[in-house]
Amino acid sequence: MKVLICCLNSKYIHASLAPWCLLSGVKAFAKNDYDIKVLESTINGNLHDFAKKIILEKPQAVSFSCYIWNITQTLEICKEIKEKLNCKIILGGPEVAYRPKDVLEKYDFIDFVLSGEGEWNFPLLLDNINGDLNTVDGLTYRKKNEIITISEKEYTDTPPSPYSEDFYNNLKGRIAYIETSRGCPYRCAFCLSGRCSKLRFFDMTQVKKDIINLANSGTQTLKFVDRTFNANSKRANEILTFIKDNYGTKIPENICFHFEIAGDILTNDTLEILSQMPMGAVQLEIGMQSFNEDTLKVINRKTNTEKLIKNIKRLLEMGNMHIHIDLIAGLTGEDLESFKNSFNIGYSLKAHMLQMGFLKLLYGADMRENPQDFPCEYTENPPYEVISTPWISAQEMRMLKNCEDAVDRLYNSGRFLFTLNYLIDEMGISPFDLFNDFGNSVDGTNMKLSDYAVKVYEYFKNRCDEQILREKILCDLLSCSSSVQIPEIFKIRDPLYKKVKKHFIENVNQNMKIAILYSTNEVFAVNQSGKKDFHGRYKGEFYKNSFISME
């Protein structure tokens, strides 16, 4: 039987692990031999072309891994396949696993939905696709006019490694993913990870082997998909130490390892190992979600916020890794003032990225299954994002969307850090109010950096010292991009500029880009051929007038 394992990625750079896990399961556990291979595309690709490619293969069975970001496009492709080809279509993944009966009732072109761990039940389905389907755990299927669901089975073993020769040939330098544990010790009401399976850890020998192989595959980023990497601190320390000890030898120096961690449970031992990591070798993503203690309690998010803040500050002080922190808008019991407070606390930590997320009501999550406990209005179609709650109105949520855009463009991009520090200090305004006011007054959609910089200048120039603001923005533009065109509004025709620039080229560095700062009688100089920092900025230096005559 010819079988295709398909997946639509959100972007080309992402290489989904799911289809390769299914393939490894078939090779390890299937009793029969199959003509089987993986086909990938993206949600932004031509769906008709991908469907045509599948149809031309003439498979007898096709499977798709389904998530909130690809379910709409996946269903379109499945419908087209069924219209042209007599084959069985199998869906799995979190977007269908918690509503299998609903999927089969709505879409008659879908034959099977699998819930649970696909490495085991997918090959079992293939072996019994024309036989006794009741032996397939986690399967939902039609039998005449009835929809039958077989209960899931709990697995405790380490699944077979998905990293075959075909996987590496297909990776082609994209972001690679590695799973060293499955499940989560927490039961956050908005998340699925805690209910997928009991937390278990995979064989450490295999984990270390996979780390080395993936690090040498040509990828630049290796992401651990473990939902709480440091749930077991001893195990986390062993993996981190392994990476540290092999970095620059068995592990190439240009690889960055990404981990999702719980910041409040970091131990001193883990922090000490992280402090010894080579520059840029690690990126940490830390979900704060909220600093409202009542909200955290209601959504079953166990967090020691005092320790969380302390540990994030300690991580940032190390200066050797990128720190990404998350907040979620729309959580139960959190109104606008509460979210504003959470945001200002988060911003004060000065992480390299402060992500404003918006609550999504996922199938299978407690928040969706128990609306009486978590009342809210959300979009009918994916990604099921919250529109309003009893604590925050639809208008306020729309306002937060515009605020998010400003946060991403001004702060997370790293492009306006001098400007932001100056404005917040000068105007005596909270970070949230600054981003919110600007984001809801200026539409930066599809705007070039230079044009956006002008918008920033025009919006704030009457609220502070206009000359200082101009110079802060100019320093930011020189720090973050070597290709940006400096807008005319920021240029001053001064003969002194040529003299200063000539001096820097001859005596400091010929790659220096400079700006004269009249407000402080300084020269700001940036070497744009150097390496960027964790904010994505070139290092700049301020030179006082004692360095060069400004007359």
Protein backbone atom coordinates (compact mmCIF):
# COMPACT_ATOMS: atom_id res chain seq x y z
CA MET A 1 0.00 0.00 0.00
CA LYS A 2 1.25 3.45 -0.89
CA VAL A 3 1.04 5.92 2.00
CA LEU A 4 1.80 9.64 2.17
CA ILE A 5 2.44 11.45 5.45
CA CYS A 6 1.75 15.14 4.87
CA CYS A 7 2.05 18.37 6.83
CA LEU A 8 1.58 22.06 6.13
CA ASN A 9 4.14 24.13 8.05
CA SER A 10 3.46 27.72 9.07
CA LYS A 11 6.62 28.85 7.26
CA TYR A 12 9.27 27.17 5.13
CA ILE A 13 11.90 27.76 7.80
CA HIS A 14 10.00 25.47 10.20
CA ALA A 15 10.53 21.74 9.70
CA SER A 16 7.68 19.94 11.48
CA LEU A 17 8.72 16.91 13.51
CA ALA A 18 5.28 15.25 13.45
CA PRO A 19 5.36 13.52 10.04
CA TRP A 20 8.80 12.09 10.74
CA CYS A 21 7.61 10.76 14.10
CA LEU A 22 4.80 8.95 12.28
CA LEU A 23 7.23 7.58 9.72
CA SER A 24 9.54 6.30 12.45
CA GLY A 25 6.58 4.60 14.11
CA VAL A 26 5.63 2.81 10.91
CA LYS A 27 9.19 1.60 10.39
CA ALA A 28 9.45 0.42 13.99
CA PHE A 29 6.03 -1.11 14.66
CA ALA A 30 4.12 -1.84 11.42
CA LYS A 31 3.73 -5.53 10.64
CA ASN A 32 3.39 -4.93 6.91
CA ASP A 33 5.67 -3.20 4.43
CA TYR A 34 4.51 0.10 2.94
CA ASP A 35 5.57 2.35 0.10
CA ILE A 36 5.63 5.42 2.35
CA LYS A 37 7.12 8.90 2.32
CA VAL A 38 6.75 12.40 3.78
CA LEU A 39 5.49 15.40 1.81
CA GLU A 40 5.64 18.94 3.24
CA SER A 41 4.50 22.37 2.14
CA THR A 42 3.46 25.61 3.85
CA ILE A 43 0.14 27.31 4.53
CA ASN A 44 1.29 30.18 2.32
CA GLY A 45 2.10 27.94 -0.64
CA ASN A 46 -0.24 27.10 -3.51
CA LEU A 47 -2.68 24.65 -1.96
CA HIS A 48 -3.96 23.40 -5.31
CA ASP A 49 -0.42 22.59 -6.43
CA PHE A 50 0.25 20.65 -3.23
CA ALA A 51 -3.02 18.73 -3.59
CA LYS A 52 -2.13 17.97 -7.20
CA LYS A 53 1.29 16.71 -6.13
CA ILE A 54 -0.37 14.33 -3.67
CA ILE A 55 -2.91 13.14 -6.23
CA LEU A 56 -0.20 12.40 -8.78
CA GLU A 57 1.41 10.03 -6.26
CA LYS A 58 -1.82 7.93 -6.30
CA PRO A 59 -1.63 6.88 -2.64
CA GLN A 60 -4.11 4.52 -1.00
CA ALA A 61 -3.83 6.43 2.29
CA VAL A 62 -2.90 10.03 3.12
CA SER A 63 -2.38 11.48 6.60
CA PHE A 64 -2.16 15.09 7.78
CA SER A 65 -0.94 16.58 11.08
CA CYS A 66 -3.42 19.29 12.13
CA TYR A 67 -2.82 22.44 14.17
CA ILE A 68 -4.65 25.75 14.58
CA TRP A 69 -2.35 27.38 12.02
CA ASN A 70 -2.96 24.83 9.26
CA ILE A 71 -6.37 23.19 9.81
CA THR A 72 -8.26 25.42 7.37
CA GLN A 73 -5.80 24.84 4.53
CA THR A 74 -5.47 21.15 5.38
CA LEU A 75 -9.22 20.59 5.04
CA GLU A 76 -9.24 22.38 1.68
CA ILE A 77 -6.55 20.05 0.39
CA CYS A 78 -8.25 16.94 1.80
CA LYS A 79 -11.51 17.84 0.06
CA GLU A 80 -9.74 18.23 -3.28
CA ILE A 81 -7.87 14.95 -2.84
CA LYS A 82 -11.09 13.07 -2.09
CA GLU A 83 -12.80 14.52 -5.15
CA LYS A 84 -10.02 13.23 -7.42
CA LEU A 85 -8.73 10.13 -5.68
CA ASN A 86 -10.18 7.04 -4.05
CA CYS A 87 -8.03 6.89 -0.94
CA LYS A 88 -8.33 6.93 2.83
CA ILE A 89 -7.68 10.27 4.52
CA ILE A 90 -6.38 10.22 8.09
CA LEU A 91 -6.13 13.26 10.37
CA GLY A 92 -4.25 13.58 13.64
CA GLY A 93 -2.78 16.33 15.80
CA PRO A 94 -4.15 18.60 18.55
CA GLU A 95 -6.61 20.45 16.33
CA VAL A 96 -8.64 17.28 15.68
CA ALA A 97 -7.64 14.89 18.47
CA TYR A 98 -9.97 16.45 21.04
CA ARG A 99 -13.03 16.63 18.75
CA PRO A 100 -12.79 13.57 16.48
CA LYS A 101 -16.53 12.89 16.31
CA ASP A 102 -17.22 16.51 15.40
CA VAL A 103 -14.66 16.35 12.57
CA LEU A 104 -16.19 13.22 11.04
CA GLU A 105 -19.70 14.65 11.34
CA LYS A 106 -18.74 17.89 9.59
CA TYR A 107 -16.41 16.58 6.89
CA ASP A 108 -17.53 13.50 5.01
CA PHE A 109 -14.26 13.41 3.05
CA ILE A 110 -12.31 12.53 6.20
CA ASP A 111 -12.19 8.80 6.94
CA PHE A 112 -10.26 8.52 10.21
CA VAL A 113 -9.18 10.71 13.12
CA LEU A 114 -6.41 9.52 15.42
CA SER A 115 -5.97 10.78 18.99
CA GLY A 116 -3.03 9.97 21.22
CA GLU A 117 0.53 9.08 20.31
CA GLY A 118 0.84 8.50 16.58
CA GLU A 119 4.09 6.57 16.65
CA TRP A 120 2.10 3.60 17.95
CA ASN A 121 -1.48 3.89 16.70
CA PHE A 122 -0.75 5.18 13.18
CA PRO A 123 1.09 2.00 12.07
CA LEU A 124 -1.61 -0.04 13.83
CA LEU A 125 -4.25 1.73 11.74
CA LEU A 126 -2.35 1.08 8.51
CA ASP A 127 -2.05 -2.61 9.36
CA ASN A 128 -5.80 -2.85 10.05
CA ILE A 129 -7.18 -0.27 7.63
CA ASN A 130 -9.20 -2.94 5.83
CA GLY A 131 -9.63 -5.19 8.83
CA ASP A 132 -10.51 -4.96 12.51
CA LEU A 133 -10.42 -1.24 13.31
CA ASN A 134 -11.46 -1.86 16.92
CA THR A 135 -7.89 -2.91 17.67
CA VAL A 136 -6.60 0.63 16.93
CA ASP A 137 -6.41 2.71 20.09
CA GLY A 138 -7.35 6.37 19.84
CA LEU A 139 -9.18 5.84 16.53
CA THR A 140 -12.48 7.47 15.56
CA TYR A 141 -14.14 6.17 12.40
CA ARG A 142 -17.49 5.60 10.70
CA LYS A 143 -19.28 2.27 10.72
CA LYS A 144 -22.33 2.54 8.51
CA ASN A 145 -24.30 5.42 10.07
CA GLU A 146 -22.50 5.29 13.40
CA ILE A 147 -19.32 7.02 14.53
CA ILE A 148 -17.14 4.77 16.67
CA THR A 149 -14.41 5.97 19.04
CA ILE A 150 -11.80 3.62 20.51
CA SER A 151 -10.25 4.80 23.76
CA GLU A 152 -6.63 5.95 23.79
CA LYS A 153 -3.83 3.87 25.23
CA GLU A 154 -1.21 5.32 27.52
CA TYR A 155 2.39 4.68 26.45
CA THR A 156 5.41 4.87 28.70
CA ASP A 157 8.25 3.98 26.34
CA THR A 158 10.58 6.29 24.46
CA PRO A 159 9.23 6.62 20.91
CA PRO A 160 11.52 5.65 18.02
CA SER A 161 13.83 8.40 16.81
CA PRO A 162 12.38 10.43 13.91
CA TYR A 163 15.83 11.37 12.64
CA SER A 164 16.32 9.21 9.59
CA GLU A 165 18.57 9.87 6.60
CA ASP A 166 15.51 11.15 4.71
CA PHE A 167 14.82 13.61 7.54
CA TYR A 168 18.31 15.08 7.35
CA ASN A 169 18.16 15.28 3.56
CA ASN A 170 14.87 17.14 3.85
CA LEU A 171 15.96 19.53 6.63
CA LYS A 172 18.16 21.72 4.42
CA GLY A 173 19.32 24.10 7.13
CA ARG A 174 15.84 24.91 8.47
CA ILE A 175 14.99 25.21 12.18
CA ALA A 176 15.25 21.73 13.68
CA TYR A 177 13.18 20.40 16.57
CA ILE A 178 13.98 17.85 19.25
CA GLU A 179 11.69 16.25 21.83
CA THR A 180 13.33 14.84 24.95
CA SER A 181 10.20 14.53 27.09
CA ARG A 182 6.48 14.29 26.53
CA GLY A 183 3.72 15.78 28.66
CA CYS A 184 3.85 18.52 31.28
CA PRO A 185 3.69 18.58 35.10
CA TYR A 186 1.31 21.55 35.05
CA ARG A 187 -2.39 21.73 34.13
CA CYS A 188 -2.76 25.31 32.96
CA ALA A 189 -6.37 25.87 31.89
CA PHE A 190 -5.42 27.41 28.54
CA CYS A 191 -2.94 24.71 27.50
CA LEU A 192 -3.09 21.13 26.19
CA SER A 193 0.34 19.93 27.24
CA GLY A 194 -0.70 18.82 30.71
CA ARG A 195 -3.47 16.57 29.45
CA CYS A 196 -1.71 14.97 26.47
CA SER A 197 0.00 12.31 28.56
CA LYS A 198 1.75 11.89 31.87
CA LEU A 199 5.13 13.56 31.91
CA ARG A 200 7.82 11.11 30.89
CA PHE A 201 11.40 11.49 29.80
CA PHE A 202 13.10 9.89 26.83
CA ASP A 203 16.25 7.81 26.85
CA MET A 204 19.19 10.11 27.60
CA THR A 205 21.68 8.21 25.45
CA GLN A 206 19.44 8.70 22.43
CA VAL A 207 18.85 12.36 23.34
CA LYS A 208 22.57 13.12 23.39
CA LYS A 209 23.11 11.30 20.10
CA ASP A 210 20.28 13.27 18.48
CA ILE A 211 21.65 16.59 19.78
CA ILE A 212 25.02 15.95 18.15
CA ASN A 213 23.51 14.81 14.85
CA LEU A 214 21.04 17.70 14.64
CA ALA A 215 23.69 20.26 15.57
CA ASN A 216 25.77 19.04 12.64
CA SER A 217 22.87 18.94 10.17
CA GLY A 218 23.35 22.48 8.87
CA THR A 219 20.63 24.04 11.01
CA GLN A 220 21.32 27.28 12.86
CA THR A 221 18.64 26.81 15.53
CA LEU A 222 17.75 23.67 17.46
CA LYS A 223 14.49 24.02 19.40
CA PHE A 224 13.54 21.74 22.26
CA VAL A 225 9.78 21.16 22.10
CA ASP A 226 9.62 19.98 25.72
CA ARG A 227 6.81 22.04 27.21
CA THR A 228 8.68 22.68 30.47
CA PHE A 229 12.30 21.81 29.81
CA ASN A 230 13.39 22.28 33.43
CA ALA A 231 10.52 20.33 34.99
CA ASN A 232 13.21 17.89 36.11
CA SER A 233 16.15 20.09 37.06
CA LYS A 234 18.66 17.23 37.36
CA ARG A 235 17.86 16.06 33.83
CA ALA A 236 17.86 19.61 32.44
CA ASN A 237 21.27 20.21 34.01
CA GLU A 238 22.65 17.06 32.40
CA ILE A 239 21.50 18.16 28.93
CA LEU A 240 22.75 21.73 29.39
CA THR A 241 26.10 20.51 30.67
CA PHE A 242 26.38 18.13 27.72
CA ILE A 243 25.79 21.02 25.32
CA LYS A 244 28.25 23.28 27.16
CA ASP A 245 31.00 20.67 27.29
CA ASN A 246 30.69 19.80 23.58
CA TYR A 247 30.12 23.29 22.21
CA GLY A 248 32.87 24.20 19.76
CA THR A 249 33.94 20.57 19.31
CA LYS A 250 31.22 18.02 18.58
CA ILE A 251 28.69 20.85 18.45
CA PRO A 252 29.43 23.68 15.96
CA GLU A 253 29.86 27.12 17.52
CA ASN A 254 27.15 28.78 15.44
CA ILE A 255 24.26 26.68 16.81
CA CYS A 256 21.63 28.26 19.09
CA PHE A 257 19.60 26.01 21.41
CA HIS A 258 16.08 27.19 22.27
CA PHE A 259 14.33 26.04 25.46
CA GLU A 260 10.89 26.78 26.94
CA ILE A 261 11.27 26.93 30.70
CA ALA A 262 9.39 27.77 33.87
CA GLY A 263 11.39 30.68 35.24
CA ASP A 264 10.31 30.42 38.85
CA ILE A 265 11.54 26.82 39.33
CA LEU A 266 15.08 27.45 38.05
CA THR A 267 17.54 26.08 40.58
CA ASN A 268 20.84 27.67 41.52
CA ASP A 269 22.63 24.77 39.83
CA THR A 270 20.78 25.37 36.56
CA LEU A 271 21.45 29.09 36.73
CA GLU A 272 25.13 28.45 37.33
CA ILE A 273 25.35 26.17 34.26
CA LEU A 274 23.49 28.73 32.13
CA SER A 275 25.92 31.43 33.24
CA GLN A 276 28.77 29.35 31.80
CA MET A 277 27.16 28.85 28.41
CA PRO A 278 29.03 30.27 25.40
CA MET A 279 27.75 33.60 24.08
CA GLY A 280 24.64 33.07 21.96
CA ALA A 281 24.46 29.32 22.47
CA VAL A 282 21.15 29.47 24.36
CA GLN A 283 17.81 31.18 23.95
CA LEU A 284 15.20 30.92 26.72
CA GLU A 285 11.46 31.43 26.35
CA ILE A 286 9.76 32.08 29.68
CA GLY A 287 5.97 32.20 29.97
CA MET A 288 4.92 34.69 32.62
CA GLN A 289 1.32 34.93 31.33
CA SER A 290 0.30 37.41 34.09
CA PHE A 291 1.41 38.93 37.37
CA ASN A 292 -2.15 38.94 38.72
CA GLU A 293 -2.04 36.36 41.52
CA ASP A 294 -5.82 35.82 41.47
CA THR A 295 -5.79 35.19 37.71
CA LEU A 296 -2.89 32.75 37.96
CA LYS A 297 -4.75 30.81 40.64
CA VAL A 298 -7.98 30.60 38.63
CA ILE A 299 -6.24 29.35 35.47
CA ASN A 300 -4.21 26.83 37.50
CA ARG A 301 -0.93 28.46 36.57
CA LYS A 302 1.35 27.76 39.51
CA THR A 303 3.90 30.58 39.60
CA ASN A 304 6.02 32.14 42.30
CA THR A 305 6.06 35.62 40.72
CA GLU A 306 8.61 37.03 43.16
CA LYS A 307 11.09 34.27 42.33
CA LEU A 308 10.22 34.51 38.62
CA ILE A 309 11.18 38.19 38.52
CA LYS A 310 14.37 37.55 40.48
CA ASN A 311 15.45 34.72 38.17
CA ILE A 312 14.72 36.63 34.96
CA LYS A 313 16.82 39.53 36.21
CA ARG A 314 19.63 37.13 37.05
CA LEU A 315 19.48 35.54 33.59
CA LEU A 316 19.62 38.94 31.90
CA GLU A 317 22.56 40.02 34.04
CA MET A 318 24.54 37.07 32.66
CA GLY A 319 24.45 38.73 29.24
CA ASN A 320 25.22 35.54 27.32
CA MET A 321 21.78 34.47 26.08
CA HIS A 322 18.61 35.76 24.45
CA ILE A 323 15.67 35.99 26.89
CA HIS A 324 12.09 35.94 25.56
CA ILE A 325 9.18 36.46 27.97
CA ASP A 326 5.43 36.09 27.31
CA LEU A 327 2.24 37.71 28.57
CA ILE A 328 -1.29 36.65 27.62
CA ALA A 329 -4.17 39.10 27.24
CA GLY A 330 -7.72 37.92 27.90
CA LEU A 331 -7.13 35.63 30.88
CA THR A 332 -9.88 35.02 33.41
CA GLY A 333 -10.23 37.78 35.98
CA GLU A 334 -7.70 40.14 34.38
CA ASP A 335 -9.09 43.51 33.35
CA LEU A 336 -7.29 46.24 31.43
CA GLU A 337 -5.72 47.79 34.51
CA SER A 338 -4.46 44.42 35.66
CA PHE A 339 -2.98 43.63 32.26
CA LYS A 340 -1.39 47.08 32.18
CA ASN A 341 0.27 46.34 35.52
CA SER A 342 1.49 42.93 34.28
CA PHE A 343 2.89 44.56 31.15
CA ASN A 344 4.74 47.28 33.05
CA ILE A 345 6.31 44.71 35.37
CA GLY A 346 7.32 42.60 32.37
CA TYR A 347 8.74 45.60 30.53
CA SER A 348 10.75 46.69 33.55
CA LEU A 349 12.72 43.44 33.35
CA LYS A 350 14.21 44.57 29.99
CA ALA A 351 14.13 41.15 28.35
CA HIS A 352 15.18 41.00 24.71
CA MET A 353 11.61 40.21 23.68
CA LEU A 354 8.32 40.89 25.48
CA GLN A 355 5.62 39.06 23.58
CA MET A 356 2.01 40.14 23.98
CA GLY A 357 -0.01 37.03 23.22
CA PHE A 358 -3.78 36.77 23.07
CA LEU A 359 -5.65 33.92 24.70
CA LYS A 360 -6.78 31.18 22.32
CA LEU A 361 -9.49 28.69 23.26
CA LEU A 362 -7.99 25.43 22.03
CA TYR A 363 -10.02 22.28 21.60
CA GLY A 364 -9.31 20.10 24.61
CA ALA A 365 -8.24 22.93 26.92
CA ASP A 366 -10.13 23.41 30.19
CA MET A 367 -11.00 26.97 29.23
CA ARG A 368 -12.90 25.76 26.19
CA GLU A 369 -14.47 22.71 27.78
CA ASN A 370 -15.66 24.57 30.90
CA PRO A 371 -17.09 27.90 29.71
CA GLN A 372 -19.01 28.35 32.96
CA ASP A 373 -15.69 28.68 34.78
CA PHE A 374 -13.90 30.64 32.06
CA PRO A 375 -16.51 32.84 30.37
CA CYS A 376 -15.40 34.65 27.23
CA GLU A 377 -16.27 35.33 23.60
CA TYR A 378 -13.86 34.03 20.97
CA THR A 379 -13.63 33.66 17.20
CA GLU A 380 -15.50 30.73 15.68
CA ASN A 381 -12.67 29.90 13.29
CA PRO A 382 -8.99 29.20 14.05
CA PRO A 383 -7.09 30.40 15.98
CA TYR A 384 -10.14 30.77 18.29
CA GLU A 385 -8.77 33.98 19.75
CA VAL A 386 -10.58 35.71 22.59
CA ILE A 387 -12.65 38.72 21.52
CA SER A 388 -13.89 39.81 24.93
CA THR A 389 -14.37 38.60 28.50
CA PRO A 390 -16.50 39.83 31.44
CA TRP A 391 -13.37 41.71 32.55
CA ILE A 392 -12.15 43.18 29.28
CA SER A 393 -14.32 44.52 26.45
CA ALA A 394 -14.03 43.86 22.72
CA GLN A 395 -12.99 47.50 22.23
CA GLU A 396 -10.22 47.12 24.80
CA MET A 397 -9.03 43.91 23.13
CA ARG A 398 -8.85 45.69 19.76
CA MET A 399 -6.90 48.45 21.45
CA LEU A 400 -4.46 45.88 22.85
CA LYS A 401 -3.95 44.52 19.32
CA ASN A 402 -2.72 47.94 18.21
CA CYS A 403 -0.61 48.17 21.34
CA GLU A 404 0.95 44.81 20.46
CA ASP A 405 1.90 46.11 17.02
CA ALA A 406 3.68 49.07 18.58
CA VAL A 407 5.50 46.81 21.06
CA ASP A 408 6.72 44.58 18.24
CA ARG A 409 7.86 47.48 16.04
CA LEU A 410 9.35 49.73 18.69
CA TYR A 411 10.73 47.29 21.28
CA ASN A 412 10.87 43.67 20.12
CA SER A 413 12.43 44.68 16.82
CA GLY A 414 15.24 46.31 18.82
CA ARG A 415 15.03 49.33 16.52
CA PHE A 416 14.02 52.11 18.90
CA LEU A 417 15.63 51.35 22.26
CA PHE A 418 17.42 54.70 22.69
CA THR A 419 14.21 56.44 21.73
CA LEU A 420 12.02 54.45 24.11
CA ASN A 421 14.33 54.92 27.10
CA TYR A 422 14.39 58.65 26.47
CA LEU A 423 10.63 59.03 25.97
CA ILE A 424 9.66 56.99 29.04
CA ASP A 425 12.08 58.95 31.24
CA GLU A 426 11.29 62.33 29.73
CA MET A 427 7.51 62.07 29.52
CA GLY A 428 7.00 60.37 32.88
CA ILE A 429 4.64 57.90 31.19
CA SER A 430 4.32 54.19 31.87
CA PRO A 431 5.64 51.84 29.18
CA PHE A 432 2.16 50.44 28.56
CA ASP A 433 0.63 53.89 28.09
CA LEU A 434 3.37 54.89 25.66
CA PHE A 435 2.92 51.82 23.44
CA ASN A 436 -0.84 51.89 23.76
CA ASP A 437 -1.18 55.59 22.89
CA PHE A 438 1.18 55.38 19.94
CA GLY A 439 -0.13 52.04 18.66
CA ASN A 440 -3.71 53.28 18.64
CA SER A 441 -2.79 56.53 16.88
CA VAL A 442 -0.37 55.34 14.19
CA ASP A 443 -0.94 52.55 11.70
CA GLY A 444 2.47 51.08 10.88
CA THR A 445 1.21 48.26 8.67
CA ASN A 446 3.55 47.48 5.78
CA MET A 447 5.62 50.58 6.56
CA LYS A 448 9.35 50.79 5.90
CA LEU A 449 11.65 51.40 8.86
CA SER A 450 12.58 54.89 7.67
CA ASP A 451 8.92 55.90 7.25
CA TYR A 452 8.01 54.42 10.63
CA ALA A 453 10.83 56.38 12.25
CA VAL A 454 9.34 59.58 10.83
CA LYS A 455 5.95 58.63 12.30
CA VAL A 456 7.56 58.16 15.71
CA TYR A 457 9.26 61.55 15.44
CA GLU A 458 6.13 63.39 14.34
CA TYR A 459 3.98 61.81 17.03
CA PHE A 460 6.27 62.53 19.99
CA LYS A 461 8.15 65.70 18.98
CA ASN A 462 5.73 68.04 20.74
CA ARG A 463 5.87 66.01 23.96
CA CYS A 464 9.60 66.25 24.58
CA ASP A 465 12.76 68.01 23.42
CA GLU A 466 12.51 67.79 19.64
CA GLN A 467 16.27 67.92 19.03
CA ILE A 468 17.05 65.16 21.53
CA LEU A 469 14.27 63.01 20.08
CA ARG A 470 15.70 63.47 16.58
CA GLU A 471 19.15 62.41 17.79
CA LYS A 472 17.86 59.39 19.69
CA ILE A 473 16.01 58.14 16.61
CA LEU A 474 19.07 58.76 14.46
CA CYS A 475 21.25 56.73 16.84
CA ASP A 476 18.68 53.93 16.72
CA LEU A 477 18.58 53.87 12.93
CA LEU A 478 22.36 53.65 12.70
CA SER A 479 22.43 50.92 15.37
CA CYS A 480 19.90 48.57 13.86
CA SER A 481 20.35 48.62 10.09
CA SER A 482 23.18 49.04 7.62
CA SER A 483 20.79 49.55 4.70
CA VAL A 484 18.23 51.99 6.08
CA GLN A 485 17.98 55.32 4.27
CA ILE A 486 18.14 58.17 6.77
CA PRO A 487 15.02 60.35 6.20
CA GLU A 488 15.69 63.94 5.21
CA ILE A 489 13.88 65.18 8.30
CA PHE A 490 16.73 63.83 10.47
CA LYS A 491 19.59 65.32 8.42
CA ILE A 492 21.42 68.53 9.23
CA ARG A 493 23.71 70.00 6.57
CA ASP A 494 26.79 70.80 8.63
CA PRO A 495 30.36 71.05 7.19
CA LEU A 496 31.60 69.66 10.50
CA TYR A 497 30.12 66.26 9.61
CA LYS A 498 32.67 65.59 6.84
CA LYS A 499 35.54 66.52 9.14
CA VAL A 500 34.33 64.23 11.92
CA LYS A 501 33.62 61.35 9.55
CA LYS A 502 37.08 61.66 7.95
CA HIS A 503 38.69 61.52 11.38
CA PHE A 504 36.83 58.34 12.29
CA ILE A 505 37.68 56.64 8.99
CA GLU A 506 41.37 57.47 9.36
CA ASN A 507 41.81 56.96 13.09
CA VAL A 508 39.11 54.63 14.39
CA ASN A 509 37.42 52.37 11.85
CA GLN A 510 36.63 52.94 8.21
CA ASN A 511 33.33 51.05 8.63
CA MET A 512 32.04 53.49 11.22
CA LYS A 513 28.74 55.27 10.61
CA ILE A 514 28.47 58.44 12.68
CA ALA A 515 26.02 61.06 13.91
CA ILE A 516 26.80 64.39 15.57
CA LEU A 517 24.73 64.88 18.72
CA TYR A 518 24.40 68.60 19.25
CA SER A 519 22.33 68.27 22.42
CA THR A 520 25.17 66.57 24.32
CA ASN A 521 28.17 67.72 22.27
CA GLU A 522 29.04 64.12 21.38
CA VAL A 523 29.66 61.91 18.38
CA PHE A 524 27.79 58.62 18.14
CA ALA A 525 29.67 56.02 16.09
CA VAL A 526 28.58 52.53 15.02
CA ASN A 527 30.60 49.78 13.39
CA GLN A 528 28.00 48.21 11.08
CA SER A 529 30.34 45.42 10.02
CA GLY A 530 30.38 44.02 13.53
CA LYS A 531 28.20 41.37 15.15
CA LYS A 532 24.73 42.30 16.36
CA ASP A 533 23.63 41.86 19.99
CA PHE A 534 20.58 40.00 21.29
CA HIS A 535 18.37 42.96 20.43
CA GLY A 536 19.55 42.78 16.82
CA ARG A 537 21.65 45.96 17.13
CA TYR A 538 25.20 46.91 16.24
CA LYS A 539 27.30 48.18 19.10
CA GLY A 540 27.58 51.96 19.22
CA GLU A 541 29.95 54.23 21.11
CA PHE A 542 29.51 57.80 22.35
CA TYR A 543 32.58 60.02 22.04
CA LYS A 544 32.80 63.26 24.03
CA ASN A 545 34.14 66.49 22.51
CA SER A 546 37.49 65.82 24.19
CA PHE A 547 38.00 63.11 21.56
CA ILE A 548 37.64 65.45 18.59
CA SER A 549 37.09 69.18 18.26
CA MET A 550 33.45 69.98 17.61
CA GLU A 551 34.06 73.61 16.73
